[in-house]
Amino acid sequence: LAYELERDFPVRLDWLPYTLDIPSFLGS
């Protein structure tokens, strides 16, 4: 869906990582 956004609009996607700490909110 993000790729489609870049195809439909003159925008540049700047992909960056964000490391989820899943155990902190959903346990493990």
mmCIF file of all heavy atoms, coordinates in Angstrom:
data_MODEL
# 
_entry.id   MODEL 
# 
loop_
_atom_site.group_PDB 
_atom_site.id 
_atom_site.type_symbol 
_atom_site.label_atom_id 
_atom_site.label_alt_id 
_atom_site.label_comp_id 
_atom_site.label_asym_id 
_atom_site.label_entity_id 
_atom_site.label_seq_id 
_atom_site.pdbx_PDB_ins_code 
_atom_site.Cartn_x 
_atom_site.Cartn_y 
_atom_site.Cartn_z 
_atom_site.occupancy 
_atom_site.B_iso_or_equiv 
_atom_site.pdbx_formal_charge 
_atom_site.auth_seq_id 
_atom_site.auth_comp_id 
_atom_site.auth_asym_id 
_atom_site.auth_atom_id 
_atom_site.pdbx_PDB_model_num 
ATOM 1   N N   . LEU A 1 1  ? 0.837  -1.200  0.000  1.00 0.00 ? 1  LEU A N   1 
ATOM 2   C CA  . LEU A 1 1  ? 0.000  0.000   0.000  1.00 0.00 ? 1  LEU A CA  1 
ATOM 3   C C   . LEU A 1 1  ? 0.873  1.252   0.000  1.00 0.00 ? 1  LEU A C   1 
ATOM 4   O O   . LEU A 1 1  ? 0.516  2.267   -0.605 1.00 0.00 ? 1  LEU A O   1 
ATOM 5   C CB  . LEU A 1 1  ? -0.933 0.001   1.207  1.00 0.00 ? 1  LEU A CB  1 
ATOM 6   C CG  . LEU A 1 1  ? -1.886 -1.194  1.327  1.00 0.00 ? 1  LEU A CG  1 
ATOM 7   C CD1 . LEU A 1 1  ? -2.740 -1.069  2.595  1.00 0.00 ? 1  LEU A CD1 1 
ATOM 8   C CD2 . LEU A 1 1  ? -2.767 -1.306  0.089  1.00 0.00 ? 1  LEU A CD2 1 
ATOM 9   N N   . ALA A 1 2  ? 2.008  1.160   0.673  1.00 0.00 ? 2  ALA A N   1 
ATOM 10  C CA  . ALA A 1 2  ? 2.951  2.280   0.662  1.00 0.00 ? 2  ALA A CA  1 
ATOM 11  C C   . ALA A 1 2  ? 3.558  2.456   -0.727 1.00 0.00 ? 2  ALA A C   1 
ATOM 12  O O   . ALA A 1 2  ? 3.708  3.576   -1.223 1.00 0.00 ? 2  ALA A O   1 
ATOM 13  C CB  . ALA A 1 2  ? 4.057  2.050   1.696  1.00 0.00 ? 2  ALA A CB  1 
ATOM 14  N N   . TYR A 1 3  ? 3.896  1.336   -1.383 1.00 0.00 ? 3  TYR A N   1 
ATOM 15  C CA  . TYR A 1 3  ? 4.409  1.433   -2.749 1.00 0.00 ? 3  TYR A CA  1 
ATOM 16  C C   . TYR A 1 3  ? 3.394  2.128   -3.660 1.00 0.00 ? 3  TYR A C   1 
ATOM 17  O O   . TYR A 1 3  ? 3.755  2.926   -4.524 1.00 0.00 ? 3  TYR A O   1 
ATOM 18  C CB  . TYR A 1 3  ? 4.695  0.035   -3.312 1.00 0.00 ? 3  TYR A CB  1 
ATOM 19  C CG  . TYR A 1 3  ? 5.836  -0.726  -2.689 1.00 0.00 ? 3  TYR A CG  1 
ATOM 20  C CD1 . TYR A 1 3  ? 5.918  -2.109  -2.823 1.00 0.00 ? 3  TYR A CD1 1 
ATOM 21  C CD2 . TYR A 1 3  ? 6.859  -0.083  -1.992 1.00 0.00 ? 3  TYR A CD2 1 
ATOM 22  C CE1 . TYR A 1 3  ? 6.963  -2.840  -2.283 1.00 0.00 ? 3  TYR A CE1 1 
ATOM 23  C CE2 . TYR A 1 3  ? 7.910  -0.796  -1.444 1.00 0.00 ? 3  TYR A CE2 1 
ATOM 24  C CZ  . TYR A 1 3  ? 7.963  -2.182  -1.586 1.00 0.00 ? 3  TYR A CZ  1 
ATOM 25  O OH  . TYR A 1 3  ? 9.003  -2.895  -1.044 1.00 0.00 ? 3  TYR A OH  1 
ATOM 26  N N   . GLU A 1 4  ? 2.110  1.791   -3.472 1.00 0.00 ? 4  GLU A N   1 
ATOM 27  C CA  . GLU A 1 4  ? 1.065  2.410   -4.292 1.00 0.00 ? 4  GLU A CA  1 
ATOM 28  C C   . GLU A 1 4  ? 0.997  3.919   -4.061 1.00 0.00 ? 4  GLU A C   1 
ATOM 29  O O   . GLU A 1 4  ? 0.739  4.689   -4.992 1.00 0.00 ? 4  GLU A O   1 
ATOM 30  C CB  . GLU A 1 4  ? -0.287 1.767   -3.981 1.00 0.00 ? 4  GLU A CB  1 
ATOM 31  C CG  . GLU A 1 4  ? -0.411 0.333   -4.458 1.00 0.00 ? 4  GLU A CG  1 
ATOM 32  C CD  . GLU A 1 4  ? -1.704 -0.314  -4.024 1.00 0.00 ? 4  GLU A CD  1 
ATOM 33  O OE1 . GLU A 1 4  ? -2.566 0.400   -3.453 1.00 0.00 ? 4  GLU A OE1 1 
ATOM 34  O OE2 . GLU A 1 4  ? -1.875 -1.531  -4.251 1.00 0.00 ? 4  GLU A OE2 1 
ATOM 35  N N   . LEU A 1 5  ? 1.229  4.327   -2.819 1.00 0.00 ? 5  LEU A N   1 
ATOM 36  C CA  . LEU A 1 5  ? 1.229  5.758   -2.510 1.00 0.00 ? 5  LEU A CA  1 
ATOM 37  C C   . LEU A 1 5  ? 2.306  6.467   -3.324 1.00 0.00 ? 5  LEU A C   1 
ATOM 38  O O   . LEU A 1 5  ? 2.081  7.544   -3.885 1.00 0.00 ? 5  LEU A O   1 
ATOM 39  C CB  . LEU A 1 5  ? 1.481  5.955   -1.009 1.00 0.00 ? 5  LEU A CB  1 
ATOM 40  C CG  . LEU A 1 5  ? 1.471  7.403   -0.497 1.00 0.00 ? 5  LEU A CG  1 
ATOM 41  C CD1 . LEU A 1 5  ? 0.045  7.928   -0.441 1.00 0.00 ? 5  LEU A CD1 1 
ATOM 42  C CD2 . LEU A 1 5  ? 2.111  7.477   0.889  1.00 0.00 ? 5  LEU A CD2 1 
ATOM 43  N N   . GLU A 1 6  ? 3.476  5.851   -3.407 1.00 0.00 ? 6  GLU A N   1 
ATOM 44  C CA  . GLU A 1 6  ? 4.587  6.443   -4.151 1.00 0.00 ? 6  GLU A CA  1 
ATOM 45  C C   . GLU A 1 6  ? 4.311  6.448   -5.653 1.00 0.00 ? 6  GLU A C   1 
ATOM 46  O O   . GLU A 1 6  ? 4.780  7.337   -6.374 1.00 0.00 ? 6  GLU A O   1 
ATOM 47  C CB  . GLU A 1 6  ? 5.875  5.669   -3.851 1.00 0.00 ? 6  GLU A CB  1 
ATOM 48  C CG  . GLU A 1 6  ? 7.138  6.362   -4.275 1.00 0.00 ? 6  GLU A CG  1 
ATOM 49  C CD  . GLU A 1 6  ? 8.376  5.669   -3.744 1.00 0.00 ? 6  GLU A CD  1 
ATOM 50  O OE1 . GLU A 1 6  ? 8.382  4.422   -3.698 1.00 0.00 ? 6  GLU A OE1 1 
ATOM 51  O OE2 . GLU A 1 6  ? 9.333  6.360   -3.378 1.00 0.00 ? 6  GLU A OE2 1 
ATOM 52  N N   . ARG A 1 7  ? 3.549  5.455   -6.124 1.00 0.00 ? 7  ARG A N   1 
ATOM 53  C CA  . ARG A 1 7  ? 3.192  5.432   -7.545 1.00 0.00 ? 7  ARG A CA  1 
ATOM 54  C C   . ARG A 1 7  ? 2.142  6.492   -7.880 1.00 0.00 ? 7  ARG A C   1 
ATOM 55  O O   . ARG A 1 7  ? 2.136  7.041   -8.983 1.00 0.00 ? 7  ARG A O   1 
ATOM 56  C CB  . ARG A 1 7  ? 2.674  4.041   -7.941 1.00 0.00 ? 7  ARG A CB  1 
ATOM 57  C CG  . ARG A 1 7  ? 3.751  2.976   -8.038 1.00 0.00 ? 7  ARG A CG  1 
ATOM 58  C CD  . ARG A 1 7  ? 3.234  1.755   -8.770 1.00 0.00 ? 7  ARG A CD  1 
ATOM 59  N NE  . ARG A 1 7  ? 2.190  1.055   -8.031 1.00 0.00 ? 7  ARG A NE  1 
ATOM 60  C CZ  . ARG A 1 7  ? 2.424  0.051   -7.192 1.00 0.00 ? 7  ARG A CZ  1 
ATOM 61  N NH1 . ARG A 1 7  ? 3.675  -0.346  -6.987 1.00 0.00 ? 7  ARG A NH1 1 
ATOM 62  N NH2 . ARG A 1 7  ? 1.427  -0.547  -6.560 1.00 0.00 ? 7  ARG A NH2 1 
ATOM 63  N N   . ASP A 1 8  ? 1.246  6.751   -6.932 1.00 0.00 ? 8  ASP A N   1 
ATOM 64  C CA  . ASP A 1 8  ? 0.112  7.657   -7.204 1.00 0.00 ? 8  ASP A CA  1 
ATOM 65  C C   . ASP A 1 8  ? 0.440  9.124   -6.968 1.00 0.00 ? 8  ASP A C   1 
ATOM 66  O O   . ASP A 1 8  ? -0.219 10.003  -7.542 1.00 0.00 ? 8  ASP A O   1 
ATOM 67  C CB  . ASP A 1 8  ? -1.083 7.276   -6.322 1.00 0.00 ? 8  ASP A CB  1 
ATOM 68  C CG  . ASP A 1 8  ? -1.664 5.920   -6.697 1.00 0.00 ? 8  ASP A CG  1 
ATOM 69  O OD1 . ASP A 1 8  ? -1.347 5.421   -7.791 1.00 0.00 ? 8  ASP A OD1 1 
ATOM 70  O OD2 . ASP A 1 8  ? -2.423 5.358   -5.890 1.00 0.00 ? 8  ASP A OD2 1 
ATOM 71  N N   . PHE A 1 9  ? 1.421  9.404   -6.114 1.00 0.00 ? 9  PHE A N   1 
ATOM 72  C CA  . PHE A 1 9  ? 1.769  10.786  -5.775 1.00 0.00 ? 9  PHE A CA  1 
ATOM 73  C C   . PHE A 1 9  ? 3.265  11.022  -6.005 1.00 0.00 ? 9  PHE A C   1 
ATOM 74  O O   . PHE A 1 9  ? 4.070  10.094  -5.891 1.00 0.00 ? 9  PHE A O   1 
ATOM 75  C CB  . PHE A 1 9  ? 1.464  11.079  -4.303 1.00 0.00 ? 9  PHE A CB  1 
ATOM 76  C CG  . PHE A 1 9  ? 0.012  11.195  -3.960 1.00 0.00 ? 9  PHE A CG  1 
ATOM 77  C CD1 . PHE A 1 9  ? -0.713 10.074  -3.573 1.00 0.00 ? 9  PHE A CD1 1 
ATOM 78  C CD2 . PHE A 1 9  ? -0.643 12.419  -4.009 1.00 0.00 ? 9  PHE A CD2 1 
ATOM 79  C CE1 . PHE A 1 9  ? -2.056 10.171  -3.243 1.00 0.00 ? 9  PHE A CE1 1 
ATOM 80  C CE2 . PHE A 1 9  ? -1.977 12.532  -3.676 1.00 0.00 ? 9  PHE A CE2 1 
ATOM 81  C CZ  . PHE A 1 9  ? -2.689 11.400  -3.292 1.00 0.00 ? 9  PHE A CZ  1 
ATOM 82  N N   . PRO A 1 10 ? 3.661  12.252  -6.284 1.00 0.00 ? 10 PRO A N   1 
ATOM 83  C CA  . PRO A 1 10 ? 5.082  12.576  -6.402 1.00 0.00 ? 10 PRO A CA  1 
ATOM 84  C C   . PRO A 1 10 ? 5.709  12.706  -5.014 1.00 0.00 ? 10 PRO A C   1 
ATOM 85  O O   . PRO A 1 10 ? 6.063  13.803  -4.554 1.00 0.00 ? 10 PRO A O   1 
ATOM 86  C CB  . PRO A 1 10 ? 5.076  13.905  -7.160 1.00 0.00 ? 10 PRO A CB  1 
ATOM 87  C CG  . PRO A 1 10 ? 3.790  14.555  -6.749 1.00 0.00 ? 10 PRO A CG  1 
ATOM 88  C CD  . PRO A 1 10 ? 2.804  13.427  -6.605 1.00 0.00 ? 10 PRO A CD  1 
ATOM 89  N N   . VAL A 1 11 ? 5.803  11.571  -4.326 1.00 0.00 ? 11 VAL A N   1 
ATOM 90  C CA  . VAL A 1 11 ? 6.416  11.535  -3.002 1.00 0.00 ? 11 VAL A CA  1 
ATOM 91  C C   . VAL A 1 11 ? 7.556  10.526  -3.024 1.00 0.00 ? 11 VAL A C   1 
ATOM 92  O O   . VAL A 1 11 ? 7.576  9.609   -3.855 1.00 0.00 ? 11 VAL A O   1 
ATOM 93  C CB  . VAL A 1 11 ? 5.408  11.160  -1.889 1.00 0.00 ? 11 VAL A CB  1 
ATOM 94  C CG1 . VAL A 1 11 ? 4.288  12.184  -1.797 1.00 0.00 ? 11 VAL A CG1 1 
ATOM 95  C CG2 . VAL A 1 11 ? 4.848  9.756   -2.103 1.00 0.00 ? 11 VAL A CG2 1 
ATOM 96  N N   . ARG A 1 12 ? 8.475  10.698  -2.096 1.00 0.00 ? 12 ARG A N   1 
ATOM 97  C CA  . ARG A 1 12 ? 9.581  9.747   -1.935 1.00 0.00 ? 12 ARG A CA  1 
ATOM 98  C C   . ARG A 1 12 ? 9.428  9.055   -0.591 1.00 0.00 ? 12 ARG A C   1 
ATOM 99  O O   . ARG A 1 12 ? 9.325  9.727   0.445  1.00 0.00 ? 12 ARG A O   1 
ATOM 100 C CB  . ARG A 1 12 ? 10.922 10.487  -1.980 1.00 0.00 ? 12 ARG A CB  1 
ATOM 101 C CG  . ARG A 1 12 ? 12.141 9.574   -1.880 1.00 0.00 ? 12 ARG A CG  1 
ATOM 102 C CD  . ARG A 1 12 ? 13.426 10.386  -1.845 1.00 0.00 ? 12 ARG A CD  1 
ATOM 103 N NE  . ARG A 1 12 ? 13.575 11.117  -0.600 1.00 0.00 ? 12 ARG A NE  1 
ATOM 104 C CZ  . ARG A 1 12 ? 14.153 10.613  0.499  1.00 0.00 ? 12 ARG A CZ  1 
ATOM 105 N NH1 . ARG A 1 12 ? 14.616 9.368   0.511  1.00 0.00 ? 12 ARG A NH1 1 
ATOM 106 N NH2 . ARG A 1 12 ? 14.270 11.343  1.581  1.00 0.00 ? 12 ARG A NH2 1 
ATOM 107 N N   . LEU A 1 13 ? 9.383  7.728   -0.598 1.00 0.00 ? 13 LEU A N   1 
ATOM 108 C CA  . LEU A 1 13 ? 9.293  6.985   0.649  1.00 0.00 ? 13 LEU A CA  1 
ATOM 109 C C   . LEU A 1 13 ? 10.682 6.802   1.237  1.00 0.00 ? 13 LEU A C   1 
ATOM 110 O O   . LEU A 1 13 ? 11.595 6.306   0.571  1.00 0.00 ? 13 LEU A O   1 
ATOM 111 C CB  . LEU A 1 13 ? 8.655  5.613   0.414  1.00 0.00 ? 13 LEU A CB  1 
ATOM 112 C CG  . LEU A 1 13 ? 7.226  5.593   -0.129 1.00 0.00 ? 13 LEU A CG  1 
ATOM 113 C CD1 . LEU A 1 13 ? 6.740  4.147   -0.228 1.00 0.00 ? 13 LEU A CD1 1 
ATOM 114 C CD2 . LEU A 1 13 ? 6.283  6.399   0.756  1.00 0.00 ? 13 LEU A CD2 1 
ATOM 115 N N   . ASP A 1 14 ? 10.837 7.210   2.475  1.00 0.00 ? 14 ASP A N   1 
ATOM 116 C CA  . ASP A 1 14 ? 12.103 7.029   3.192  1.00 0.00 ? 14 ASP A CA  1 
ATOM 117 C C   . ASP A 1 14 ? 11.868 5.940   4.234  1.00 0.00 ? 14 ASP A C   1 
ATOM 118 O O   . ASP A 1 14 ? 11.355 6.197   5.316  1.00 0.00 ? 14 ASP A O   1 
ATOM 119 C CB  . ASP A 1 14 ? 12.519 8.346   3.861  1.00 0.00 ? 14 ASP A CB  1 
ATOM 120 C CG  . ASP A 1 14 ? 13.861 8.224   4.568  1.00 0.00 ? 14 ASP A CG  1 
ATOM 121 O OD1 . ASP A 1 14 ? 14.624 7.286   4.245  1.00 0.00 ? 14 ASP A OD1 1 
ATOM 122 O OD2 . ASP A 1 14 ? 14.140 9.059   5.459  1.00 0.00 ? 14 ASP A OD2 1 
ATOM 123 N N   . TRP A 1 15 ? 12.214 4.702   3.886  1.00 0.00 ? 15 TRP A N   1 
ATOM 124 C CA  . TRP A 1 15 ? 11.980 3.565   4.764  1.00 0.00 ? 15 TRP A CA  1 
ATOM 125 C C   . TRP A 1 15 ? 13.027 3.517   5.876  1.00 0.00 ? 15 TRP A C   1 
ATOM 126 O O   . TRP A 1 15 ? 14.224 3.589   5.616  1.00 0.00 ? 15 TRP A O   1 
ATOM 127 C CB  . TRP A 1 15 ? 12.044 2.268   3.971  1.00 0.00 ? 15 TRP A CB  1 
ATOM 128 C CG  . TRP A 1 15 ? 10.921 2.077   3.008  1.00 0.00 ? 15 TRP A CG  1 
ATOM 129 C CD1 . TRP A 1 15 ? 10.888 2.476   1.699  1.00 0.00 ? 15 TRP A CD1 1 
ATOM 130 C CD2 . TRP A 1 15 ? 9.669  1.431   3.259  1.00 0.00 ? 15 TRP A CD2 1 
ATOM 131 N NE1 . TRP A 1 15 ? 9.685  2.119   1.126  1.00 0.00 ? 15 TRP A NE1 1 
ATOM 132 C CE2 . TRP A 1 15 ? 8.922  1.466   2.051  1.00 0.00 ? 15 TRP A CE2 1 
ATOM 133 C CE3 . TRP A 1 15 ? 9.110  0.822   4.384  1.00 0.00 ? 15 TRP A CE3 1 
ATOM 134 C CZ2 . TRP A 1 15 ? 7.656  0.918   1.944  1.00 0.00 ? 15 TRP A CZ2 1 
ATOM 135 C CZ3 . TRP A 1 15 ? 7.848  0.271   4.281  1.00 0.00 ? 15 TRP A CZ3 1 
ATOM 136 C CH2 . TRP A 1 15 ? 7.128  0.320   3.072  1.00 0.00 ? 15 TRP A CH2 1 
ATOM 137 N N   . LEU A 1 16 ? 12.561 3.390   7.116  1.00 0.00 ? 16 LEU A N   1 
ATOM 138 C CA  . LEU A 1 16 ? 13.461 3.314   8.261  1.00 0.00 ? 16 LEU A CA  1 
ATOM 139 C C   . LEU A 1 16 ? 12.991 2.209   9.214  1.00 0.00 ? 16 LEU A C   1 
ATOM 140 O O   . LEU A 1 16 ? 11.795 1.921   9.307  1.00 0.00 ? 16 LEU A O   1 
ATOM 141 C CB  . LEU A 1 16 ? 13.489 4.650   9.013  1.00 0.00 ? 16 LEU A CB  1 
ATOM 142 C CG  . LEU A 1 16 ? 14.156 5.825   8.294  1.00 0.00 ? 16 LEU A CG  1 
ATOM 143 C CD1 . LEU A 1 16 ? 13.969 7.105   9.093  1.00 0.00 ? 16 LEU A CD1 1 
ATOM 144 C CD2 . LEU A 1 16 ? 15.643 5.554   8.071  1.00 0.00 ? 16 LEU A CD2 1 
ATOM 145 N N   . PRO A 1 17 ? 13.936 1.611   9.921  1.00 0.00 ? 17 PRO A N   1 
ATOM 146 C CA  . PRO A 1 17 ? 13.560 0.559   10.864 1.00 0.00 ? 17 PRO A CA  1 
ATOM 147 C C   . PRO A 1 17 ? 13.107 1.125   12.202 1.00 0.00 ? 17 PRO A C   1 
ATOM 148 O O   . PRO A 1 17 ? 13.623 2.149   12.665 1.00 0.00 ? 17 PRO A O   1 
ATOM 149 C CB  . PRO A 1 17 ? 14.864 -0.229  11.030 1.00 0.00 ? 17 PRO A CB  1 
ATOM 150 C CG  . PRO A 1 17 ? 15.940 0.799   10.847 1.00 0.00 ? 17 PRO A CG  1 
ATOM 151 C CD  . PRO A 1 17 ? 15.397 1.765   9.810  1.00 0.00 ? 17 PRO A CD  1 
ATOM 152 N N   . TYR A 1 18 ? 12.128 0.461   12.795 1.00 0.00 ? 18 TYR A N   1 
ATOM 153 C CA  . TYR A 1 18 ? 11.748 0.747   14.179 1.00 0.00 ? 18 TYR A CA  1 
ATOM 154 C C   . TYR A 1 18 ? 11.550 -0.604  14.856 1.00 0.00 ? 18 TYR A C   1 
ATOM 155 O O   . TYR A 1 18 ? 10.651 -1.365  14.488 1.00 0.00 ? 18 TYR A O   1 
ATOM 156 C CB  . TYR A 1 18 ? 10.476 1.584   14.279 1.00 0.00 ? 18 TYR A CB  1 
ATOM 157 C CG  . TYR A 1 18 ? 10.143 1.910   15.727 1.00 0.00 ? 18 TYR A CG  1 
ATOM 158 C CD1 . TYR A 1 18 ? 10.877 2.859   16.418 1.00 0.00 ? 18 TYR A CD1 1 
ATOM 159 C CD2 . TYR A 1 18 ? 9.135  1.219   16.402 1.00 0.00 ? 18 TYR A CD2 1 
ATOM 160 C CE1 . TYR A 1 18 ? 10.613 3.125   17.751 1.00 0.00 ? 18 TYR A CE1 1 
ATOM 161 C CE2 . TYR A 1 18 ? 8.861  1.490   17.731 1.00 0.00 ? 18 TYR A CE2 1 
ATOM 162 C CZ  . TYR A 1 18 ? 9.605  2.446   18.403 1.00 0.00 ? 18 TYR A CZ  1 
ATOM 163 O OH  . TYR A 1 18 ? 9.345  2.711   19.726 1.00 0.00 ? 18 TYR A OH  1 
ATOM 164 N N   . THR A 1 19 ? 12.400 -0.904  15.818 1.00 0.00 ? 19 THR A N   1 
ATOM 165 C CA  . THR A 1 19 ? 12.386 -2.208  16.454 1.00 0.00 ? 19 THR A CA  1 
ATOM 166 C C   . THR A 1 19 ? 11.307 -2.282  17.523 1.00 0.00 ? 19 THR A C   1 
ATOM 167 O O   . THR A 1 19 ? 11.367 -1.593  18.543 1.00 0.00 ? 19 THR A O   1 
ATOM 168 C CB  . THR A 1 19 ? 13.759 -2.512  17.101 1.00 0.00 ? 19 THR A CB  1 
ATOM 169 O OG1 . THR A 1 19 ? 14.793 -2.300  16.143 1.00 0.00 ? 19 THR A OG1 1 
ATOM 170 C CG2 . THR A 1 19 ? 13.813 -3.944  17.584 1.00 0.00 ? 19 THR A CG2 1 
ATOM 171 N N   . LEU A 1 20 ? 10.317 -3.124  17.276 1.00 0.00 ? 20 LEU A N   1 
ATOM 172 C CA  . LEU A 1 20 ? 9.229  -3.294  18.241 1.00 0.00 ? 20 LEU A CA  1 
ATOM 173 C C   . LEU A 1 20 ? 9.689  -4.100  19.451 1.00 0.00 ? 20 LEU A C   1 
ATOM 174 O O   . LEU A 1 20 ? 10.355 -5.123  19.306 1.00 0.00 ? 20 LEU A O   1 
ATOM 175 C CB  . LEU A 1 20 ? 8.053  -4.032  17.585 1.00 0.00 ? 20 LEU A CB  1 
ATOM 176 C CG  . LEU A 1 20 ? 7.257  -3.301  16.509 1.00 0.00 ? 20 LEU A CG  1 
ATOM 177 C CD1 . LEU A 1 20 ? 6.211  -4.243  15.937 1.00 0.00 ? 20 LEU A CD1 1 
ATOM 178 C CD2 . LEU A 1 20 ? 6.595  -2.053  17.077 1.00 0.00 ? 20 LEU A CD2 1 
ATOM 179 N N   . ASP A 1 21 ? 9.286  -3.645  20.626 1.00 0.00 ? 21 ASP A N   1 
ATOM 180 C CA  . ASP A 1 21 ? 9.519  -4.397  21.861 1.00 0.00 ? 21 ASP A CA  1 
ATOM 181 C C   . ASP A 1 21 ? 8.198  -5.093  22.208 1.00 0.00 ? 21 ASP A C   1 
ATOM 182 O O   . ASP A 1 21 ? 7.454  -4.651  23.082 1.00 0.00 ? 21 ASP A O   1 
ATOM 183 C CB  . ASP A 1 21 ? 9.959  -3.455  22.981 1.00 0.00 ? 21 ASP A CB  1 
ATOM 184 C CG  . ASP A 1 21 ? 10.235 -4.188  24.289 1.00 0.00 ? 21 ASP A CG  1 
ATOM 185 O OD1 . ASP A 1 21 ? 10.235 -5.437  24.287 1.00 0.00 ? 21 ASP A OD1 1 
ATOM 186 O OD2 . ASP A 1 21 ? 10.413 -3.506  25.325 1.00 0.00 ? 21 ASP A OD2 1 
ATOM 187 N N   . ILE A 1 22 ? 7.903  -6.170  21.509 1.00 0.00 ? 22 ILE A N   1 
ATOM 188 C CA  . ILE A 1 22 ? 6.599  -6.824  21.634 1.00 0.00 ? 22 ILE A CA  1 
ATOM 189 C C   . ILE A 1 22 ? 6.313  -7.321  23.047 1.00 0.00 ? 22 ILE A C   1 
ATOM 190 O O   . ILE A 1 22 ? 5.188  -7.136  23.557 1.00 0.00 ? 22 ILE A O   1 
ATOM 191 C CB  . ILE A 1 22 ? 6.477  -7.963  20.604 1.00 0.00 ? 22 ILE A CB  1 
ATOM 192 C CG1 . ILE A 1 22 ? 6.431  -7.367  19.190 1.00 0.00 ? 22 ILE A CG1 1 
ATOM 193 C CG2 . ILE A 1 22 ? 5.230  -8.811  20.859 1.00 0.00 ? 22 ILE A CG2 1 
ATOM 194 C CD1 . ILE A 1 22 ? 6.399  -8.395  18.078 1.00 0.00 ? 22 ILE A CD1 1 
ATOM 195 N N   . PRO A 1 23 ? 7.266  -7.943  23.749 1.00 0.00 ? 23 PRO A N   1 
ATOM 196 C CA  . PRO A 1 23 ? 6.948  -8.423  25.102 1.00 0.00 ? 23 PRO A CA  1 
ATOM 197 C C   . PRO A 1 23 ? 6.494  -7.326  26.051 1.00 0.00 ? 23 PRO A C   1 
ATOM 198 O O   . PRO A 1 23 ? 5.767  -7.602  27.015 1.00 0.00 ? 23 PRO A O   1 
ATOM 199 C CB  . PRO A 1 23 ? 8.272  -9.056  25.569 1.00 0.00 ? 23 PRO A CB  1 
ATOM 200 C CG  . PRO A 1 23 ? 8.946  -9.470  24.303 1.00 0.00 ? 23 PRO A CG  1 
ATOM 201 C CD  . PRO A 1 23 ? 8.605  -8.381  23.323 1.00 0.00 ? 23 PRO A CD  1 
ATOM 202 N N   . SER A 1 24 ? 6.884  -6.072  25.799 1.00 0.00 ? 24 SER A N   1 
ATOM 203 C CA  . SER A 1 24 ? 6.526  -4.998  26.718 1.00 0.00 ? 24 SER A CA  1 
ATOM 204 C C   . SER A 1 24 ? 5.037  -4.687  26.697 1.00 0.00 ? 24 SER A C   1 
ATOM 205 O O   . SER A 1 24 ? 4.506  -4.126  27.648 1.00 0.00 ? 24 SER A O   1 
ATOM 206 C CB  . SER A 1 24 ? 7.324  -3.733  26.395 1.00 0.00 ? 24 SER A CB  1 
ATOM 207 O OG  . SER A 1 24 ? 6.910  -3.166  25.156 1.00 0.00 ? 24 SER A OG  1 
ATOM 208 N N   . PHE A 1 25 ? 4.347  -5.044  25.591 1.00 0.00 ? 25 PHE A N   1 
ATOM 209 C CA  . PHE A 1 25 ? 2.913  -4.740  25.541 1.00 0.00 ? 25 PHE A CA  1 
ATOM 210 C C   . PHE A 1 25 ? 2.033  -5.949  25.208 1.00 0.00 ? 25 PHE A C   1 
ATOM 211 O O   . PHE A 1 25 ? 0.834  -5.923  25.464 1.00 0.00 ? 25 PHE A O   1 
ATOM 212 C CB  . PHE A 1 25 ? 2.618  -3.597  24.553 1.00 0.00 ? 25 PHE A CB  1 
ATOM 213 C CG  . PHE A 1 25 ? 3.043  -3.844  23.135 1.00 0.00 ? 25 PHE A CG  1 
ATOM 214 C CD1 . PHE A 1 25 ? 2.154  -4.347  22.206 1.00 0.00 ? 25 PHE A CD1 1 
ATOM 215 C CD2 . PHE A 1 25 ? 4.333  -3.536  22.725 1.00 0.00 ? 25 PHE A CD2 1 
ATOM 216 C CE1 . PHE A 1 25 ? 2.547  -4.555  20.886 1.00 0.00 ? 25 PHE A CE1 1 
ATOM 217 C CE2 . PHE A 1 25 ? 4.729  -3.736  21.408 1.00 0.00 ? 25 PHE A CE2 1 
ATOM 218 C CZ  . PHE A 1 25 ? 3.832  -4.258  20.489 1.00 0.00 ? 25 PHE A CZ  1 
ATOM 219 N N   . LEU A 1 26 ? 2.646  -7.025  24.692 1.00 0.00 ? 26 LEU A N   1 
ATOM 220 C CA  . LEU A 1 26 ? 1.855  -8.221  24.389 1.00 0.00 ? 26 LEU A CA  1 
ATOM 221 C C   . LEU A 1 26 ? 2.387  -9.477  25.077 1.00 0.00 ? 26 LEU A C   1 
ATOM 222 O O   . LEU A 1 26 ? 1.886  -10.573 24.815 1.00 0.00 ? 26 LEU A O   1 
ATOM 223 C CB  . LEU A 1 26 ? 1.803  -8.460  22.875 1.00 0.00 ? 26 LEU A CB  1 
ATOM 224 C CG  . LEU A 1 26 ? 0.905  -7.512  22.074 1.00 0.00 ? 26 LEU A CG  1 
ATOM 225 C CD1 . LEU A 1 26 ? 1.005  -7.829  20.586 1.00 0.00 ? 26 LEU A CD1 1 
ATOM 226 C CD2 . LEU A 1 26 ? -0.543 -7.599  22.534 1.00 0.00 ? 26 LEU A CD2 1 
ATOM 227 N N   . GLY A 1 27 ? 3.389  -9.307  25.942 1.00 0.00 ? 27 GLY A N   1 
ATOM 228 C CA  . GLY A 1 27 ? 3.963  -10.481 26.576 1.00 0.00 ? 27 GLY A CA  1 
ATOM 229 C C   . GLY A 1 27 ? 4.744  -11.303 25.562 1.00 0.00 ? 27 GLY A C   1 
ATOM 230 O O   . GLY A 1 27 ? 4.981  -10.876 24.432 1.00 0.00 ? 27 GLY A O   1 
ATOM 231 N N   . SER A 1 28 ? 5.143  -12.503 25.966 1.00 0.00 ? 28 SER A N   1 
ATOM 232 C CA  . SER A 1 28 ? 5.918  -13.359 25.072 1.00 0.00 ? 28 SER A CA  1 
ATOM 233 C C   . SER A 1 28 ? 5.458  -14.805 25.205 1.00 0.00 ? 28 SER A C   1 
ATOM 234 O O   . SER A 1 28 ? 4.868  -15.196 26.215 1.00 0.00 ? 28 SER A O   1 
ATOM 235 C CB  . SER A 1 28 ? 7.416  -13.262 25.379 1.00 0.00 ? 28 SER A CB  1 
ATOM 236 O OG  . SER A 1 28 ? 7.681  -13.717 26.692 1.00 0.00 ? 28 SER A OG  1 
# 
